PDB file of N, CA and C in Angstrom:
ATOM      1  N   MET A   1      31.703 128.452 117.470  1.00  0.00           N
ATOM      2  CA  MET A   1      32.046 128.209 118.874  1.00  0.00           C
ATOM      3  C   MET A   1      31.898 129.644 119.406  1.00  0.00           C
ATOM      4  N   LYS A   2      30.946 129.561 120.442  1.00  0.00           N
ATOM      5  CA  LYS A   2      30.586 130.819 121.615  1.00  0.00           C
ATOM      6  C   LYS A   2      31.739 131.059 122.464  1.00  0.00           C
ATOM      7  N   PRO A   3      32.042 132.271 122.541  1.00  0.00           N
ATOM      8  CA  PRO A   3      33.005 132.810 123.786  1.00  0.00           C
ATOM      9  C   PRO A   3      32.391 132.375 125.258  1.00  0.00           C
ATOM     10  N   ARG A   4      33.215 131.917 126.025  1.00  0.00           N
ATOM     11  CA  ARG A   4      32.761 131.869 127.269  1.00  0.00           C
ATOM     12  C   ARG A   4      32.549 133.096 128.065  1.00  0.00           C
ATOM     13  N   ILE A   5      31.683 133.271 128.669  1.00  0.00           N
ATOM     14  CA  ILE A   5      31.477 134.644 129.496  1.00  0.00           C
ATOM     15  C   ILE A   5      31.583 134.322 130.889  1.00  0.00           C
ATOM     16  N   GLU A   6      31.251 133.151 131.465  1.00  0.00           N
ATOM     17  CA  GLU A   6      31.340 133.199 133.159  1.00  0.00           C
ATOM     18  C   GLU A   6      32.638 132.757 133.469  1.00  0.00           C
ATOM     19  N   GLN A   7      32.976 133.429 134.193  1.00  0.00           N
ATOM     20  CA  GLN A   7      34.434 132.873 135.162  1.00  0.00           C
ATOM     21  C   GLN A   7      34.133 132.171 136.300  1.00  0.00           C
ATOM     22  N   THR A   8      35.137 131.092 136.431  1.00  0.00           N
ATOM     23  CA  THR A   8      35.035 129.990 137.571  1.00  0.00           C
ATOM     24  C   THR A   8      35.306 130.818 138.912  1.00  0.00           C
ATOM     25  N   GLU A   9      35.133 130.310 139.888  1.00  0.00           N
ATOM     26  CA  GLU A   9      35.645 130.990 141.265  1.00  0.00           C
ATOM     27  C   GLU A   9      37.091 131.264 141.280  1.00  0.00           C
ATOM     28  N   GLN A  10      37.770 130.179 140.646  1.00  0.00           N
ATOM     29  CA  GLN A  10      39.294 130.192 140.853  1.00  0.00           C
ATOM     30  C   GLN A  10      39.717 131.316 140.151  1.00  0.00           C
ATOM     31  N   GLU A  11      39.126 131.680 138.998  1.00  0.00           N
ATOM     32  CA  GLU A  11      39.588 132.700 137.981  1.00  0.00           C
ATOM     33  C   GLU A  11      39.129 134.141 138.552  1.00  0.00           C
ATOM     34  N   ARG A  12      37.985 134.202 139.161  1.00  0.00           N
ATOM     35  CA  ARG A  12      37.877 135.465 139.831  1.00  0.00           C
ATOM     36  C   ARG A  12      38.864 135.812 141.049  1.00  0.00           C
ATOM     37  N   HIS A  13      39.228 134.703 141.812  1.00  0.00           N
ATOM     38  CA  HIS A  13      39.878 134.853 142.897  1.00  0.00           C
ATOM     39  C   HIS A  13      41.362 135.360 142.363  1.00  0.00           C
ATOM     40  N   LEU A  14      42.010 134.726 141.339  1.00  0.00           N
ATOM     41  CA  LEU A  14      43.319 135.154 140.455  1.00  0.00           C
ATOM     42  C   LEU A  14      43.253 136.811 140.106  1.00  0.00           C
ATOM     43  N   VAL A  15      42.127 136.853 139.643  1.00  0.00           N
ATOM     44  CA  VAL A  15      41.859 138.289 138.935  1.00  0.00           C
ATOM     45  C   VAL A  15      41.994 139.318 140.577  1.00  0.00           C
ATOM     46  N   THR A  16      41.277 139.026 141.322  1.00  0.00           N
ATOM     47  CA  THR A  16      41.390 140.021 142.613  1.00  0.00           C
ATOM     48  C   THR A  16      42.548 139.805 143.190  1.00  0.00           C
ATOM     49  N   ALA A  17      43.334 138.597 143.323  1.00  0.00           N
ATOM     50  CA  ALA A  17      44.681 138.735 143.915  1.00  0.00           C
ATOM     51  C   ALA A  17      45.698 139.639 143.124  1.00  0.00           C
ATOM     52  N   ASP A  18      45.482 139.297 141.749  1.00  0.00           N
ATOM     53  CA  ASP A  18      46.392 140.337 140.935  1.00  0.00           C
ATOM     54  C   ASP A  18      46.200 142.021 141.161  1.00  0.00           C
ATOM     55  N   LYS A  19      44.930 142.225 141.578  1.00  0.00           N
ATOM     56  CA  LYS A  19      44.772 143.794 141.816  1.00  0.00           C
ATOM     57  C   LYS A  19      45.215 143.967 142.957  1.00  0.00           C
ATOM     58  N   GLU A  20      45.333 143.255 144.226  1.00  0.00           N
ATOM     59  CA  GLU A  20      45.832 143.087 145.404  1.00  0.00           C
ATOM     60  C   GLU A  20      47.205 143.573 145.213  1.00  0.00           C
ATOM     61  N   LYS A  21      47.939 142.581 144.774  1.00  0.00           N
ATOM     62  CA  LYS A  21      49.345 142.648 144.241  1.00  0.00           C
ATOM     63  C   LYS A  21      49.903 143.876 144.047  1.00  0.00           C
ATOM     64  N   LYS A  22      49.072 144.711 143.113  1.00  0.00           N
ATOM     65  CA  LYS A  22      49.483 145.979 142.555  1.00  0.00           C
ATOM     66  C   LYS A  22      49.522 146.969 143.710  1.00  0.00           C
ATOM     67  N   LYS A  23      48.868 146.755 144.519  1.00  0.00           N
ATOM     68  CA  LYS A  23      48.689 148.143 145.559  1.00  0.00           C
ATOM     69  C   LYS A  23      50.169 148.003 146.713  1.00  0.00           C
ATOM     70  N   LYS A  24      50.983 148.813 146.176  1.00  0.00           N
ATOM     71  CA  LYS A  24      52.112 148.689 147.049  1.00  0.00           C
ATOM     72  C   LYS A  24      52.023 149.935 148.029  1.00  0.00           C
ATOM     73  N   GLU A  25      52.374 150.017 149.089  1.00  0.00           N
ATOM     74  CA  GLU A  25      52.360 151.015 150.073  1.00  0.00           C
ATOM     75  C   GLU A  25      53.705 151.540 150.510  1.00  0.00           C
ATOM     76  N   SER A  26      54.200 152.722 150.395  1.00  0.00           N
ATOM     77  CA  SER A  26      55.289 153.157 151.014  1.00  0.00           C
ATOM     78  C   SER A  26      55.685 152.777 152.360  1.00  0.00           C
ATOM     79  N   ILE A  27      57.140 152.494 152.682  1.00  0.00           N
ATOM     80  CA  ILE A  27      57.299 152.110 153.960  1.00  0.00           C
ATOM     81  C   ILE A  27      57.800 153.353 155.000  1.00  0.00           C
ATOM     82  N   PHE A  28      57.773 154.271 154.158  1.00  0.00           N
ATOM     83  CA  PHE A  28      58.185 155.852 154.798  1.00  0.00           C
ATOM     84  C   PHE A  28      56.926 156.528 154.841  1.00  0.00           C
ATOM     85  N   ASP A  29      56.459 157.216 155.799  1.00  0.00           N
ATOM     86  CA  ASP A  29      55.675 158.289 156.151  1.00  0.00           C
ATOM     87  C   ASP A  29      56.167 159.435 155.786  1.00  0.00           C
ATOM     88  N   LEU A  30      55.848 159.959 154.105  1.00  0.00           N
ATOM     89  CA  LEU A  30      56.516 161.220 153.839  1.00  0.00           C
ATOM     90  C   LEU A  30      55.668 162.129 153.947  1.00  0.00           C
ATOM     91  N   SER A  31      54.616 162.275 154.448  1.00  0.00           N
ATOM     92  CA  SER A  31      53.596 163.381 154.678  1.00  0.00           C
ATOM     93  C   SER A  31      54.049 164.340 155.804  1.00  0.00           C
ATOM     94  N   LYS A  32      55.012 163.995 156.797  1.00  0.00           N
ATOM     95  CA  LYS A  32      55.678 164.748 157.934  1.00  0.00           C
ATOM     96  C   LYS A  32      56.838 165.561 157.131  1.00  0.00           C
ATOM     97  N   TYR A  33      57.288 165.205 155.944  1.00  0.00           N
ATOM     98  CA  TYR A  33      58.663 165.965 155.360  1.00  0.00           C
ATOM     99  C   TYR A  33      57.940 167.006 154.309  1.00  0.00           C
ATOM    100  N   ILE A  34      56.772 167.280 154.183  1.00  0.00           N
ATOM    101  CA  ILE A  34      56.278 168.160 153.209  1.00  0.00           C
ATOM    102  C   ILE A  34      56.742 169.783 153.637  1.00  0.00           C
ATOM    103  N   ASP A  35      57.018 170.521 152.510  1.00  0.00           N
ATOM    104  CA  ASP A  35      57.455 171.601 152.804  1.00  0.00           C
ATOM    105  C   ASP A  35      58.555 171.790 154.160  1.00  0.00           C
ATOM    106  N   LYS A  36      59.344 171.011 153.772  1.00  0.00           N
ATOM    107  CA  LYS A  36      60.702 171.017 154.884  1.00  0.00           C
ATOM    108  C   LYS A  36      61.888 170.442 154.132  1.00  0.00           C
ATOM    109  N   THR A  37      63.231 171.021 154.551  1.00  0.00           N
ATOM    110  CA  THR A  37      64.093 170.400 154.249  1.00  0.00           C
ATOM    111  C   THR A  37      64.685 169.301 154.764  1.00  0.00           C
ATOM    112  N   ILE A  38      64.973 168.394 153.874  1.00  0.00           N
ATOM    113  CA  ILE A  38      65.414 167.057 154.276  1.00  0.00           C
ATOM    114  C   ILE A  38      66.633 166.589 153.730  1.00  0.00           C
ATOM    115  N   ARG A  39      67.126 165.629 154.445  1.00  0.00           N
ATOM    116  CA  ARG A  39      68.498 164.788 154.207  1.00  0.00           C
ATOM    117  C   ARG A  39      68.165 163.564 153.924  1.00  0.00           C
ATOM    118  N   VAL A  40      68.718 163.238 152.460  1.00  0.00           N
ATOM    119  CA  VAL A  40      68.405 161.595 152.122  1.00  0.00           C
ATOM    120  C   VAL A  40      69.739 161.200 151.712  1.00  0.00           C
ATOM    121  N   LYS A  41      70.013 159.905 152.438  1.00  0.00           N
ATOM    122  CA  LYS A  41      71.244 159.418 152.137  1.00  0.00           C
ATOM    123  C   LYS A  41      70.864 157.909 151.594  1.00  0.00           C
ATOM    124  N   PHE A  42      71.687 157.938 150.474  1.00  0.00           N
ATOM    125  CA  PHE A  42      71.626 156.632 149.592  1.00  0.00           C
ATOM    126  C   PHE A  42      72.957 155.868 149.994  1.00  0.00           C
ATOM    127  N   GLN A  43      72.614 154.501 149.576  1.00  0.00           N
ATOM    128  CA  GLN A  43      73.389 153.331 149.803  1.00  0.00           C
ATOM    129  C   GLN A  43      74.569 153.634 148.518  1.00  0.00           C
ATOM    130  N   GLY A  44      75.779 153.655 149.039  1.00  0.00           N
ATOM    131  CA  GLY A  44      76.883 153.813 148.181  1.00  0.00           C
ATOM    132  C   GLY A  44      76.740 155.293 147.560  1.00  0.00           C
ATOM    133  N   GLY A  45      76.128 156.255 148.172  1.00  0.00           N
ATOM    134  CA  GLY A  45      76.233 157.643 148.102  1.00  0.00           C
ATOM    135  C   GLY A  45      77.454 158.218 147.820  1.00  0.00           C
ATOM    136  N   ARG A  46      77.757 159.646 147.418  1.00  0.00           N
ATOM    137  CA  ARG A  46      78.858 160.248 147.292  1.00  0.00           C
ATOM    138  C   ARG A  46      79.203 161.116 148.551  1.00  0.00           C
ATOM    139  N   GLU A  47      80.109 160.607 148.916  1.00  0.00           N
ATOM    140  CA  GLU A  47      80.841 161.153 150.147  1.00  0.00           C
ATOM    141  C   GLU A  47      82.104 161.378 150.005  1.00  0.00           C
ATOM    142  N   ASP A  48      82.737 162.256 151.144  1.00  0.00           N
ATOM    143  CA  ASP A  48      84.252 162.513 151.046  1.00  0.00           C
ATOM    144  C   ASP A  48      84.592 161.311 151.539  1.00  0.00           C
ATOM    145  N   PRO A  49      85.679 160.685 150.920  1.00  0.00           N
ATOM    146  CA  PRO A  49      86.142 159.213 151.514  1.00  0.00           C
ATOM    147  C   PRO A  49      87.146 159.508 152.699  1.00  0.00           C
ATOM    148  N   ASP A  50      87.616 160.644 153.303  1.00  0.00           N
ATOM    149  CA  ASP A  50      88.298 161.033 154.395  1.00  0.00           C
ATOM    150  C   ASP A  50      87.155 161.470 155.590  1.00  0.00           C
ATOM    151  N   ASP A  51      86.170 161.960 155.374  1.00  0.00           N
ATOM    152  CA  ASP A  51      85.188 162.315 156.355  1.00  0.00           C
ATOM    153  C   ASP A  51      83.725 162.144 155.801  1.00  0.00           C
ATOM    154  N   GLN A  52      83.072 161.120 155.703  1.00  0.00           N
ATOM    155  CA  GLN A  52      81.879 160.920 155.706  1.00  0.00           C
ATOM    156  C   GLN A  52      80.892 161.874 155.969  1.00  0.00           C
ATOM    157  N   TYR A  53      81.069 162.415 157.222  1.00  0.00           N
ATOM    158  CA  TYR A  53      80.097 163.438 157.718  1.00  0.00           C
ATOM    159  C   TYR A  53      80.638 164.947 157.069  1.00  0.00           C
ATOM    160  N   LYS A  54      81.319 165.284 156.499  1.00  0.00           N
ATOM    161  CA  LYS A  54      81.659 166.343 155.834  1.00  0.00           C
ATOM    162  C   LYS A  54      80.466 166.954 154.907  1.00  0.00           C
ATOM    163  N   LEU A  55      79.840 168.072 155.339  1.00  0.00           N
ATOM    164  CA  LEU A  55      78.928 168.488 154.440  1.00  0.00           C
ATOM    165  C   LEU A  55      79.131 170.028 154.163  1.00  0.00           C
ATOM    166  N   THR A  56      78.603 170.097 152.917  1.00  0.00           N
ATOM    167  CA  THR A  56      79.027 171.554 152.275  1.00  0.00           C
ATOM    168  C   THR A  56      77.837 172.397 152.606  1.00  0.00           C
ATOM    169  N   GLU A  57      77.851 173.769 152.280  1.00  0.00           N
ATOM    170  CA  GLU A  57      76.897 174.513 152.575  1.00  0.00           C
ATOM    171  C   GLU A  57      76.031 175.017 151.330  1.00  0.00           C
ATOM    172  N   ASP A  58      76.607 174.159 150.123  1.00  0.00           N
ATOM    173  CA  ASP A  58      75.900 174.090 148.684  1.00  0.00           C
ATOM    174  C   ASP A  58      74.838 173.538 148.584  1.00  0.00           C
ATOM    175  N   THR A  59      73.682 173.979 148.424  1.00  0.00           N
ATOM    176  CA  THR A  59      72.145 173.399 148.301  1.00  0.00           C
ATOM    177  C   THR A  59      71.837 173.908 146.981  1.00  0.00           C
ATOM    178  N   ARG A  60      70.984 172.940 146.417  1.00  0.00           N
ATOM    179  CA  ARG A  60      70.079 173.392 145.464  1.00  0.00           C
ATOM    180  C   ARG A  60      68.338 172.763 145.439  1.00  0.00           C
ATOM    181  N   GLN A  61      67.566 173.355 144.852  1.00  0.00           N
ATOM    182  CA  GLN A  61      66.292 173.065 144.739  1.00  0.00           C
ATOM    183  C   GLN A  61      65.959 171.989 143.792  1.00  0.00           C
ATOM    184  N   LEU A  62      65.538 170.811 144.053  1.00  0.00           N
ATOM    185  CA  LEU A  62      65.322 169.990 143.412  1.00  0.00           C
ATOM    186  C   LEU A  62      63.896 169.318 142.810  1.00  0.00           C
ATOM    187  N   GLY A  63      62.880 170.025 143.442  1.00  0.00           N
ATOM    188  CA  GLY A  63      61.518 169.846 143.127  1.00  0.00           C
ATOM    189  C   GLY A  63      61.072 168.444 143.634  1.00  0.00           C
ATOM    190  N   LEU A  64      60.241 167.717 142.709  1.00  0.00           N
ATOM    191  CA  LEU A  64      60.034 166.507 142.694  1.00  0.00           C
ATOM    192  C   LEU A  64      61.181 165.504 142.118  1.00  0.00           C
ATOM    193  N   VAL A  65      61.323 164.335 143.327  1.00  0.00           N
ATOM    194  CA  VAL A  65      62.241 163.448 142.993  1.00  0.00           C
ATOM    195  C   VAL A  65      61.782 162.303 143.140  1.00  0.00           C
ATOM    196  N   VAL A  66      62.264 161.088 142.215  1.00  0.00           N
ATOM    197  CA  VAL A  66      61.806 159.829 142.157  1.00  0.00           C
ATOM    198  C   VAL A  66      63.119 158.769 143.047  1.00  0.00           C
ATOM    199  N   CYS A  67      63.017 158.363 144.100  1.00  0.00           N
ATOM    200  CA  CYS A  67      63.960 157.763 144.557  1.00  0.00           C
ATOM    201  C   CYS A  67      63.449 156.127 144.504  1.00  0.00           C
ATOM    202  N   ARG A  68      63.947 155.216 143.699  1.00  0.00           N
ATOM    203  CA  ARG A  68      63.668 153.884 143.409  1.00  0.00           C
ATOM    204  C   ARG A  68      64.466 152.709 144.494  1.00  0.00           C
ATOM    205  N   GLY A  69      63.501 151.699 144.709  1.00  0.00           N
ATOM    206  CA  GLY A  69      64.485 150.656 145.086  1.00  0.00           C
ATOM    207  C   GLY A  69      65.030 150.669 146.339  1.00  0.00           C
ATOM    208  N   THR A  70      65.778 149.909 146.727  1.00  0.00           N
ATOM    209  CA  THR A  70      66.509 149.827 147.997  1.00  0.00           C
ATOM    210  C   THR A  70      67.783 150.855 148.460  1.00  0.00           C
ATOM    211  N   SER A  71      67.993 151.478 147.286  1.00  0.00           N
ATOM    212  CA  SER A  71      69.143 152.563 147.545  1.00  0.00           C
ATOM    213  C   SER A  71      69.043 153.483 148.947  1.00  0.00           C
ATOM    214  N   VAL A  72      67.687 153.826 149.046  1.00  0.00           N
ATOM    215  CA  VAL A  72      67.436 154.824 150.027  1.00  0.00           C
ATOM    216  C   VAL A  72      67.703 154.271 151.461  1.00  0.00           C
ATOM    217  N   VAL A  73      68.718 154.676 152.136  1.00  0.00           N
ATOM    218  CA  VAL A  73      68.974 154.294 153.366  1.00  0.00           C
ATOM    219  C   VAL A  73      68.514 155.273 154.383  1.00  0.00           C
ATOM    220  N   LEU A  74      68.089 156.236 154.195  1.00  0.00           N
ATOM    221  CA  LEU A  74      67.707 157.397 155.487  1.00  0.00           C
ATOM    222  C   LEU A  74      66.944 158.653 154.948  1.00  0.00           C
ATOM    223  N   ILE A  75      66.021 158.982 155.638  1.00  0.00           N
ATOM    224  CA  ILE A  75      65.237 160.156 155.280  1.00  0.00           C
ATOM    225  C   ILE A  75      65.087 160.608 156.550  1.00  0.00           C
ATOM    226  N   CYS A  76      65.600 162.159 156.604  1.00  0.00           N
ATOM    227  CA  CYS A  76      65.347 162.673 158.185  1.00  0.00           C
ATOM    228  C   CYS A  76      65.228 164.077 157.793  1.00  0.00           C
ATOM    229  N   PRO A  77      64.755 164.920 158.754  1.00  0.00           N
ATOM    230  CA  PRO A  77      64.625 166.250 158.711  1.00  0.00           C
ATOM    231  C   PRO A  77      66.194 167.087 158.824  1.00  0.00           C
ATOM    232  N   GLN A  78      66.407 168.069 158.207  1.00  0.00           N
ATOM    233  CA  GLN A  78      67.769 168.743 158.025  1.00  0.00           C
ATOM    234  C   GLN A  78      67.797 169.336 159.379  1.00  0.00           C
ATOM    235  N   ASP A  79      66.740 170.036 159.884  1.00  0.00           N
ATOM    236  CA  ASP A  79      66.566 170.785 161.072  1.00  0.00           C
ATOM    237  C   ASP A  79      66.807 169.874 162.323  1.00  0.00           C
ATOM    238  N   GLY A  80      67.678 170.026 163.177  1.00  0.00           N
ATOM    239  CA  GLY A  80      67.555 169.236 164.473  1.00  0.00           C
ATOM    240  C   GLY A  80      68.467 168.089 164.226  1.00  0.00           C
ATOM    241  N   MET A  81      69.311 168.287 163.277  1.00  0.00           N
ATOM    242  CA  MET A  81      70.537 166.966 163.088  1.00  0.00           C
ATOM    243  C   MET A  81      71.975 167.379 163.400  1.00  0.00           C
ATOM    244  N   GLU A  82      72.576 166.798 164.121  1.00  0.00           N
ATOM    245  CA  GLU A  82      73.656 167.043 164.487  1.00  0.00           C
ATOM    246  C   GLU A  82      74.383 166.207 164.647  1.00  0.00           C
ATOM    247  N   ALA A  83      75.857 166.000 164.357  1.00  0.00           N
ATOM    248  CA  ALA A  83      76.900 164.836 164.630  1.00  0.00           C
ATOM    249  C   ALA A  83      77.366 164.771 166.192  1.00  0.00           C
ATOM    250  N   ILE A  84      77.296 163.573 166.674  1.00  0.00           N
ATOM    251  CA  ILE A  84      77.657 163.461 168.070  1.00  0.00           C
ATOM    252  C   ILE A  84      78.931 162.513 167.906  1.00  0.00           C
ATOM    253  N   PRO A  85      79.587 162.452 169.141  1.00  0.00           N
ATOM    254  CA  PRO A  85      80.878 161.596 169.197  1.00  0.00           C
ATOM    255  C   PRO A  85      80.330 160.019 168.967  1.00  0.00           C
ATOM    256  N   ASN A  86      81.429 159.259 168.617  1.00  0.00           N
ATOM    257  CA  ASN A  86      80.788 157.769 168.404  1.00  0.00           C
ATOM    258  C   ASN A  86      80.757 157.145 169.833  1.00  0.00           C
ATOM    259  N   PRO A  87      79.746 156.776 170.416  1.00  0.00           N
ATOM    260  CA  PRO A  87      79.550 156.381 171.841  1.00  0.00           C
ATOM    261  C   PRO A  87      80.463 154.799 171.648  1.00  0.00           C
ATOM    262  N   PHE A  88      80.889 154.312 170.824  1.00  0.00           N
ATOM    263  CA  PHE A  88      81.674 152.912 170.911  1.00  0.00           C
ATOM    264  C   PHE A  88      82.929 152.742 170.686  1.00  0.00           C
ATOM    265  N   ILE A  89      83.495 153.990 170.693  1.00  0.00           N
ATOM    266  CA  ILE A  89      85.008 154.156 170.577  1.00  0.00           C
ATOM    267  C   ILE A  89      85.540 154.200 172.241  1.00  0.00           C
ATOM    268  N   GLN A  90      86.451 153.176 172.293  1.00  0.00           N
ATOM    269  CA  GLN A  90      86.703 153.294 173.957  1.00  0.00           C
ATOM    270  C   GLN A  90      87.692 154.454 174.161  1.00  0.00           C
ATOM    271  N   GLN A  91      87.574 155.324 174.922  1.00  0.00           N
ATOM    272  CA  GLN A  91      88.641 156.344 175.148  1.00  0.00           C
ATOM    273  C   GLN A  91      89.894 155.932 175.906  1.00  0.00           C
ATOM    274  N   GLN A  92      90.807 156.271 175.307  1.00  0.00           N
ATOM    275  CA  GLN A  92      92.078 155.976 175.801  1.00  0.00           C
ATOM    276  C   GLN A  92      92.704 156.693 176.871  1.00  0.00           C
ATOM    277  N   GLU A  93      93.031 156.277 177.862  1.00  0.00           N
ATOM    278  CA  GLU A  93      93.320 156.603 179.310  1.00  0.00           C
ATOM    279  C   GLU A  93      94.594 157.324 178.960  1.00  0.00           C
ATOM    280  N   GLY A  94      95.050 158.505 179.421  1.00  0.00           N
ATOM    281  CA  GLY A  94      96.249 159.022 179.202  1.00  0.00           C
ATOM    282  C   GLY A  94      97.009 159.339 180.439  1.00  0.00           C
TER     283      GLY A  94
END
């Protein structure tokens, strides 16, 4: 029995569709964060239970980091970030 060499049009389409599925693009444009200090927030991250905005001055150089899945909630530059009062809390009149 001779091996079949020719592919049908449907088989060619399936092979092309598989190649297209493998090309996944990032939903974040990370090029603007190159050589900058950034803050990354993860879902279920390690925060102070009393004050989630409490930060320490302790930092460390990580180098290359792989963050996978839907656990990344926020990526922002460290410079220019500051806490603001919650605008949705109603002020009590005294």
